Amino acid sequence: MTRRSLVTALLVIGVLALFAAPLLLDGGGSEFTGSDSLATSTVEEDHPGYDAWFESVFAPSSAEVESGLFAVQAALGGGVLGYILGRFRGRRSAGKTPPAQPGADGQ
């Protein structure tokens, strides 16, 4: 196994451990609530007469649908970011290669 593949394998194991550790340590005892619902409940506690400025255009039918839509949004954002970073890296590496000299191949 080469050093590069060893580093890649260790990074993958590290990322999996970051995802698994909270699940294993928690044991499924807590319920996740996003920051939006936490902020809403805090505002309602501090200002009981507060009236929202606007209503949501689309309300998901369940928490699972909302979570799935968030995951799709995150995946699309990650894909776009990866594409942009790949384009920049490709441009940089293309700019470093010297142009081919005519007649340099012995002709």
Protein backbone atom coordinates (compact mmCIF):
# COMPACT_ATOMS: atom_id res chain seq x y z
CA MET A 1 0.00 0.00 0.00
CA THR A 2 1.45 3.35 -1.00
CA ARG A 3 1.66 6.28 1.36
CA ARG A 4 -0.94 8.21 -0.62
CA SER A 5 -3.53 5.43 -0.41
CA LEU A 6 -2.79 4.99 3.31
CA VAL A 7 -3.43 8.69 3.93
CA THR A 8 -6.65 8.50 1.90
CA ALA A 9 -7.84 5.46 3.86
CA LEU A 10 -7.06 7.14 7.17
CA LEU A 11 -8.93 10.28 6.13
CA VAL A 12 -12.00 8.24 5.13
CA ILE A 13 -11.89 6.37 8.45
CA GLY A 14 -11.57 9.69 10.28
CA VAL A 15 -14.60 11.16 8.53
CA LEU A 16 -16.66 8.05 9.26
CA ALA A 17 -15.59 8.24 12.91
CA LEU A 18 -16.72 11.88 13.06
CA PHE A 19 -20.17 10.82 11.88
CA ALA A 20 -20.41 7.68 14.00
CA ALA A 21 -19.10 9.03 17.31
CA PRO A 22 -22.07 11.30 18.12
CA LEU A 23 -24.51 8.56 17.23
CA LEU A 24 -22.75 6.01 19.39
CA LEU A 25 -22.19 8.34 22.34
CA ASP A 26 -25.76 9.68 22.33
CA GLY A 27 -27.48 6.33 21.92
CA GLY A 28 -30.44 7.96 20.15
CA GLY A 29 -31.65 9.64 23.33
CA SER A 30 -31.89 13.19 22.07
CA GLU A 31 -34.03 14.71 19.35
CA PHE A 32 -32.36 17.04 16.89
CA THR A 33 -33.88 20.48 16.51
CA GLY A 34 -32.50 22.94 14.04
CA SER A 35 -31.51 26.49 14.81
CA ASP A 36 -34.63 27.88 13.11
CA SER A 37 -37.03 26.21 15.53
CA LEU A 38 -34.80 27.08 18.49
CA ALA A 39 -34.72 30.76 17.45
CA THR A 40 -38.48 30.80 16.95
CA SER A 41 -39.18 29.34 20.38
CA THR A 42 -36.75 31.81 22.02
CA VAL A 43 -38.43 34.80 20.34
CA GLU A 44 -41.90 33.52 21.31
CA GLU A 45 -40.77 33.13 24.95
CA ASP A 46 -39.19 36.60 25.13
CA HIS A 47 -41.92 38.44 23.17
CA PRO A 48 -45.28 36.65 23.44
CA GLY A 49 -47.10 39.16 21.22
CA TYR A 50 -44.59 38.94 18.37
CA ASP A 51 -46.16 38.67 14.91
CA ALA A 52 -44.04 37.23 12.08
CA TRP A 53 -43.39 39.46 9.08
CA PHE A 54 -44.06 36.73 6.51
CA GLU A 55 -45.13 33.12 6.14
CA SER A 56 -43.20 30.35 4.42
CA VAL A 57 -43.97 29.76 0.76
CA PHE A 58 -43.55 25.99 1.13
CA ALA A 59 -43.96 23.97 4.31
CA PRO A 60 -42.73 20.35 4.12
CA SER A 61 -45.25 17.75 5.22
CA SER A 62 -42.93 16.13 7.79
CA ALA A 63 -39.56 16.48 9.45
CA GLU A 64 -38.18 13.68 7.27
CA VAL A 65 -39.08 15.55 4.08
CA GLU A 66 -37.54 18.73 5.47
CA SER A 67 -34.37 16.85 6.40
CA GLY A 68 -34.21 15.25 2.95
CA LEU A 69 -34.61 18.60 1.21
CA PHE A 70 -31.84 20.04 3.36
CA ALA A 71 -29.58 17.10 2.43
CA VAL A 72 -30.30 17.64 -1.27
CA GLN A 73 -29.52 21.33 -0.90
CA ALA A 74 -26.24 20.55 0.86
CA ALA A 75 -25.29 17.98 -1.80
CA LEU A 76 -25.99 20.42 -4.62
CA GLY A 77 -23.98 23.13 -2.88
CA GLY A 78 -21.09 20.73 -2.33
CA GLY A 79 -21.22 19.65 -5.96
CA VAL A 80 -21.14 23.23 -7.22
CA LEU A 81 -18.31 24.11 -4.85
CA GLY A 82 -16.33 21.03 -5.92
CA TYR A 83 -16.87 21.85 -9.58
CA ILE A 84 -15.68 25.44 -9.12
CA LEU A 85 -12.61 24.39 -7.12
CA GLY A 86 -11.81 21.75 -9.75
CA ARG A 87 -12.04 24.30 -12.53
CA PHE A 88 -9.71 26.67 -10.69
CA ARG A 89 -7.21 23.90 -10.05
CA GLY A 90 -7.40 22.79 -13.68
CA ARG A 91 -6.74 26.32 -14.88
CA ARG A 92 -3.79 26.69 -12.53
CA SER A 93 -2.22 23.37 -13.57
CA ALA A 94 -2.86 24.13 -17.25
CA GLY A 95 -1.08 27.45 -16.86
CA LYS A 96 2.03 25.81 -15.39
CA THR A 97 2.74 23.47 -18.30
CA PRO A 98 5.05 25.06 -20.84
CA PRO A 99 3.67 25.38 -24.34
CA ALA A 100 4.95 22.86 -26.88
CA GLN A 101 7.80 24.21 -29.01
CA PRO A 102 7.34 23.71 -32.74
CA GLY A 103 9.99 21.42 -34.13
CA ALA A 104 11.16 20.35 -30.67
CA ASP A 105 10.41 16.69 -31.36
CA GLY A 106 13.25 16.40 -33.88
CA GLN A 107 11.27 17.26 -37.04
